[in-house]
């Protein structure tokens, strides 16, 4: 708890993300978690480097189309045969971000209720 650097609570929520690699090529990944100011993304390719920017489109839950997301890669680490990258959001539609956070919060709240019932 004392070593925590995050300003906002992160919610575990798997969302499909397509990161633009070139004009016609997208790398498909999935969020591991999402917060007000960032998300972590799991991808197969190691090409992402901290301090680089990424342009992506993220699928709104549950599969209601895509929104554009622009962010800065803050960190990167290998996990098994995949790469996880931390992204600080620089630009995203506010209403869509709220929709993702509401969806993630509802999933978290339901999971907490289930855990309390099973105690």
C-alpha atoms as a PDB file:
ATOM      1  CA  UNK A   1       0.000   0.000   0.000  1.00  0.00           C
ATOM      2  CA  UNK A   2       2.771   2.481   0.933  1.00  0.00           C
ATOM      3  CA  UNK A   3       4.710   1.748  -2.257  1.00  0.00           C
ATOM      4  CA  UNK A   4       1.682   2.349  -4.488  1.00  0.00           C
ATOM      5  CA  UNK A   5       2.322   5.061  -7.087  1.00  0.00           C
ATOM      6  CA  UNK A   6      -1.034   5.050  -8.802  1.00  0.00           C
ATOM      7  CA  UNK A   7      -3.385   7.964  -8.291  1.00  0.00           C
ATOM      8  CA  UNK A   8      -6.524   6.092  -9.357  1.00  0.00           C
ATOM      9  CA  UNK A   9      -7.961   2.665  -8.677  1.00  0.00           C
ATOM     10  CA  UNK A  10      -7.476   0.218 -11.549  1.00  0.00           C
ATOM     11  CA  UNK A  11     -10.210  -2.199 -12.488  1.00  0.00           C
ATOM     12  CA  UNK A  12      -9.518  -5.575 -14.081  1.00  0.00           C
ATOM     13  CA  UNK A  13     -11.381  -5.403 -17.365  1.00  0.00           C
ATOM     14  CA  UNK A  14     -10.475  -7.235 -20.586  1.00  0.00           C
ATOM     15  CA  UNK A  15     -11.129  -5.000 -23.595  1.00  0.00           C
ATOM     16  CA  UNK A  16      -9.985  -5.625 -27.156  1.00  0.00           C
ATOM     17  CA  UNK A  17      -7.473  -3.038 -28.337  1.00  0.00           C
ATOM     18  CA  UNK A  18      -6.100  -2.590 -31.825  1.00  0.00           C
ATOM     19  CA  UNK A  19      -2.829  -0.633 -31.793  1.00  0.00           C
ATOM     20  CA  UNK A  20      -1.861   1.100 -35.012  1.00  0.00           C
ATOM     21  CA  UNK A  21       1.538  -0.072 -36.218  1.00  0.00           C
ATOM     22  CA  UNK A  22       1.355   1.486 -39.684  1.00  0.00           C
ATOM     23  CA  UNK A  23      -1.339   2.908 -41.950  1.00  0.00           C
ATOM     24  CA  UNK A  24      -2.737  -0.541 -42.689  1.00  0.00           C
ATOM     25  CA  UNK A  25      -1.381  -2.775 -39.919  1.00  0.00           C
ATOM     26  CA  UNK A  26      -2.875  -3.109 -36.450  1.00  0.00           C
ATOM     27  CA  UNK A  27      -1.582  -5.208 -33.566  1.00  0.00           C
ATOM     28  CA  UNK A  28      -4.385  -6.769 -31.530  1.00  0.00           C
ATOM     29  CA  UNK A  29      -4.098  -6.866 -27.761  1.00  0.00           C
ATOM     30  CA  UNK A  30      -6.248  -6.890 -24.662  1.00  0.00           C
ATOM     31  CA  UNK A  31      -6.358  -4.633 -21.643  1.00  0.00           C
ATOM     32  CA  UNK A  32      -5.531  -6.208 -18.321  1.00  0.00           C
ATOM     33  CA  UNK A  33      -6.853  -3.280 -16.343  1.00  0.00           C
ATOM     34  CA  UNK A  34      -8.154   0.251 -16.825  1.00  0.00           C
ATOM     35  CA  UNK A  35      -8.254   3.422 -14.732  1.00  0.00           C
ATOM     36  CA  UNK A  36      -9.049   7.115 -15.117  1.00  0.00           C
ATOM     37  CA  UNK A  37      -5.594   7.933 -16.432  1.00  0.00           C
ATOM     38  CA  UNK A  38      -4.238   4.727 -17.943  1.00  0.00           C
ATOM     39  CA  UNK A  39      -4.402   1.038 -18.654  1.00  0.00           C
ATOM     40  CA  UNK A  40      -2.152  -1.961 -19.039  1.00  0.00           C
ATOM     41  CA  UNK A  41      -2.217  -3.784 -22.314  1.00  0.00           C
ATOM     42  CA  UNK A  42      -1.067  -7.310 -23.181  1.00  0.00           C
ATOM     43  CA  UNK A  43       0.305  -7.851 -26.703  1.00  0.00           C
ATOM     44  CA  UNK A  44       2.378 -10.450 -28.541  1.00  0.00           C
ATOM     45  CA  UNK A  45       4.908  -8.040 -30.040  1.00  0.00           C
ATOM     46  CA  UNK A  46       7.897  -6.510 -28.201  1.00  0.00           C
ATOM     47  CA  UNK A  47       8.081  -3.434 -30.467  1.00  0.00           C
ATOM     48  CA  UNK A  48       6.626  -1.015 -27.906  1.00  0.00           C
ATOM     49  CA  UNK A  49       9.088   1.181 -26.031  1.00  0.00           C
ATOM     50  CA  UNK A  50       8.632   3.467 -23.013  1.00  0.00           C
ATOM     51  CA  UNK A  51       8.270   7.162 -23.837  1.00  0.00           C
ATOM     52  CA  UNK A  52       6.822   6.343 -27.264  1.00  0.00           C
ATOM     53  CA  UNK A  53       3.266   7.261 -28.112  1.00  0.00           C
ATOM     54  CA  UNK A  54       0.643   4.890 -29.392  1.00  0.00           C
ATOM     55  CA  UNK A  55      -2.486   5.328 -31.418  1.00  0.00           C
ATOM     56  CA  UNK A  56      -5.150   2.695 -30.872  1.00  0.00           C
ATOM     57  CA  UNK A  57      -8.799   1.903 -30.959  1.00  0.00           C
ATOM     58  CA  UNK A  58     -10.443   0.256 -27.972  1.00  0.00           C
ATOM     59  CA  UNK A  59     -13.643  -1.764 -28.075  1.00  0.00           C
ATOM     60  CA  UNK A  60     -16.393  -0.437 -25.852  1.00  0.00           C
ATOM     61  CA  UNK A  61     -17.946  -3.069 -23.596  1.00  0.00           C
ATOM     62  CA  UNK A  62     -19.706  -5.273 -24.464  1.00  0.00           C
ATOM     63  CA  UNK A  63     -18.666  -5.145 -28.140  1.00  0.00           C
ATOM     64  CA  UNK A  64     -20.394  -1.860 -28.952  1.00  0.00           C
ATOM     65  CA  UNK A  65     -17.907  -0.438 -31.403  1.00  0.00           C
ATOM     66  CA  UNK A  66     -14.491   1.160 -31.088  1.00  0.00           C
ATOM     67  CA  UNK A  67     -13.203   4.466 -29.750  1.00  0.00           C
ATOM     68  CA  UNK A  68      -9.893   6.130 -30.495  1.00  0.00           C
ATOM     69  CA  UNK A  69      -7.289   6.257 -27.737  1.00  0.00           C
ATOM     70  CA  UNK A  70      -3.947   8.056 -27.762  1.00  0.00           C
ATOM     71  CA  UNK A  71      -1.413   7.435 -25.032  1.00  0.00           C
ATOM     72  CA  UNK A  72       2.179   7.346 -23.912  1.00  0.00           C
ATOM     73  CA  UNK A  73       3.907   4.092 -23.090  1.00  0.00           C
ATOM     74  CA  UNK A  74       5.224   4.394 -19.535  1.00  0.00           C
ATOM     75  CA  UNK A  75       6.630   0.922 -18.922  1.00  0.00           C
ATOM     76  CA  UNK A  76       7.034  -2.461 -20.573  1.00  0.00           C
ATOM     77  CA  UNK A  77       7.756  -5.964 -19.247  1.00  0.00           C
ATOM     78  CA  UNK A  78       7.751  -9.479 -20.575  1.00  0.00           C
ATOM     79  CA  UNK A  79       5.296 -11.896 -19.050  1.00  0.00           C
ATOM     80  CA  UNK A  80       5.503 -15.479 -20.306  1.00  0.00           C
ATOM     81  CA  UNK A  81       5.438 -15.264 -24.131  1.00  0.00           C
ATOM     82  CA  UNK A  82       3.612 -11.924 -24.142  1.00  0.00           C
ATOM     83  CA  UNK A  83       4.466  -8.298 -23.438  1.00  0.00           C
ATOM     84  CA  UNK A  84       2.611  -6.074 -21.036  1.00  0.00           C
ATOM     85  CA  UNK A  85       2.795  -2.339 -21.468  1.00  0.00           C
ATOM     86  CA  UNK A  86       1.567   0.455 -19.231  1.00  0.00           C
ATOM     87  CA  UNK A  87      -0.132   3.289 -21.078  1.00  0.00           C
ATOM     88  CA  UNK A  88      -0.903   6.761 -19.760  1.00  0.00           C
ATOM     89  CA  UNK A  89      -3.976   8.075 -21.568  1.00  0.00           C
ATOM     90  CA  UNK A  90      -3.364  11.363 -23.365  1.00  0.00           C
ATOM     91  CA  UNK A  91      -6.580  11.594 -25.370  1.00  0.00           C
ATOM     92  CA  UNK A  92      -9.881   9.690 -25.235  1.00  0.00           C
ATOM     93  CA  UNK A  93     -13.545  10.575 -25.601  1.00  0.00           C
ATOM     94  CA  UNK A  94     -14.767  11.493 -22.091  1.00  0.00           C
ATOM     95  CA  UNK A  95     -18.181   9.847 -22.433  1.00  0.00           C
ATOM     96  CA  UNK A  96     -16.628   6.623 -23.700  1.00  0.00           C
ATOM     97  CA  UNK A  97     -14.055   6.595 -20.886  1.00  0.00           C
ATOM     98  CA  UNK A  98     -16.870   7.030 -18.368  1.00  0.00           C
ATOM     99  CA  UNK A  99     -18.746   4.170 -20.008  1.00  0.00           C
ATOM    100  CA  UNK A 100     -15.711   1.891 -19.700  1.00  0.00           C
ATOM    101  CA  UNK A 101     -15.170   2.892 -16.059  1.00  0.00           C
ATOM    102  CA  UNK A 102     -18.858   2.357 -15.215  1.00  0.00           C
ATOM    103  CA  UNK A 103     -18.754  -1.075 -16.863  1.00  0.00           C
ATOM    104  CA  UNK A 104     -15.541  -1.996 -15.028  1.00  0.00           C
ATOM    105  CA  UNK A 105     -16.864  -0.713 -11.692  1.00  0.00           C
ATOM    106  CA  UNK A 106     -20.094  -2.711 -12.052  1.00  0.00           C
ATOM    107  CA  UNK A 107     -18.111  -5.885 -12.788  1.00  0.00           C
ATOM    108  CA  UNK A 108     -15.868  -5.205  -9.773  1.00  0.00           C
ATOM    109  CA  UNK A 109     -18.861  -4.487  -7.515  1.00  0.00           C
ATOM    110  CA  UNK A 110     -20.596  -7.723  -8.561  1.00  0.00           C
ATOM    111  CA  UNK A 111     -17.389  -9.700  -7.966  1.00  0.00           C
ATOM    112  CA  UNK A 112     -17.064  -8.201  -4.469  1.00  0.00           C
ATOM    113  CA  UNK A 113     -20.672  -9.099  -3.667  1.00  0.00           C
ATOM    114  CA  UNK A 114     -20.080 -12.699  -4.761  1.00  0.00           C
ATOM    115  CA  UNK A 115     -16.980 -12.917  -2.612  1.00  0.00           C
ATOM    116  CA  UNK A 116     -18.874 -11.626   0.433  1.00  0.00           C
ATOM    117  CA  UNK A 117     -21.635 -14.173  -0.086  1.00  0.00           C
ATOM    118  CA  UNK A 118     -19.070 -16.986  -0.275  1.00  0.00           C
ATOM    119  CA  UNK A 119     -17.350 -16.044   2.998  1.00  0.00           C
END
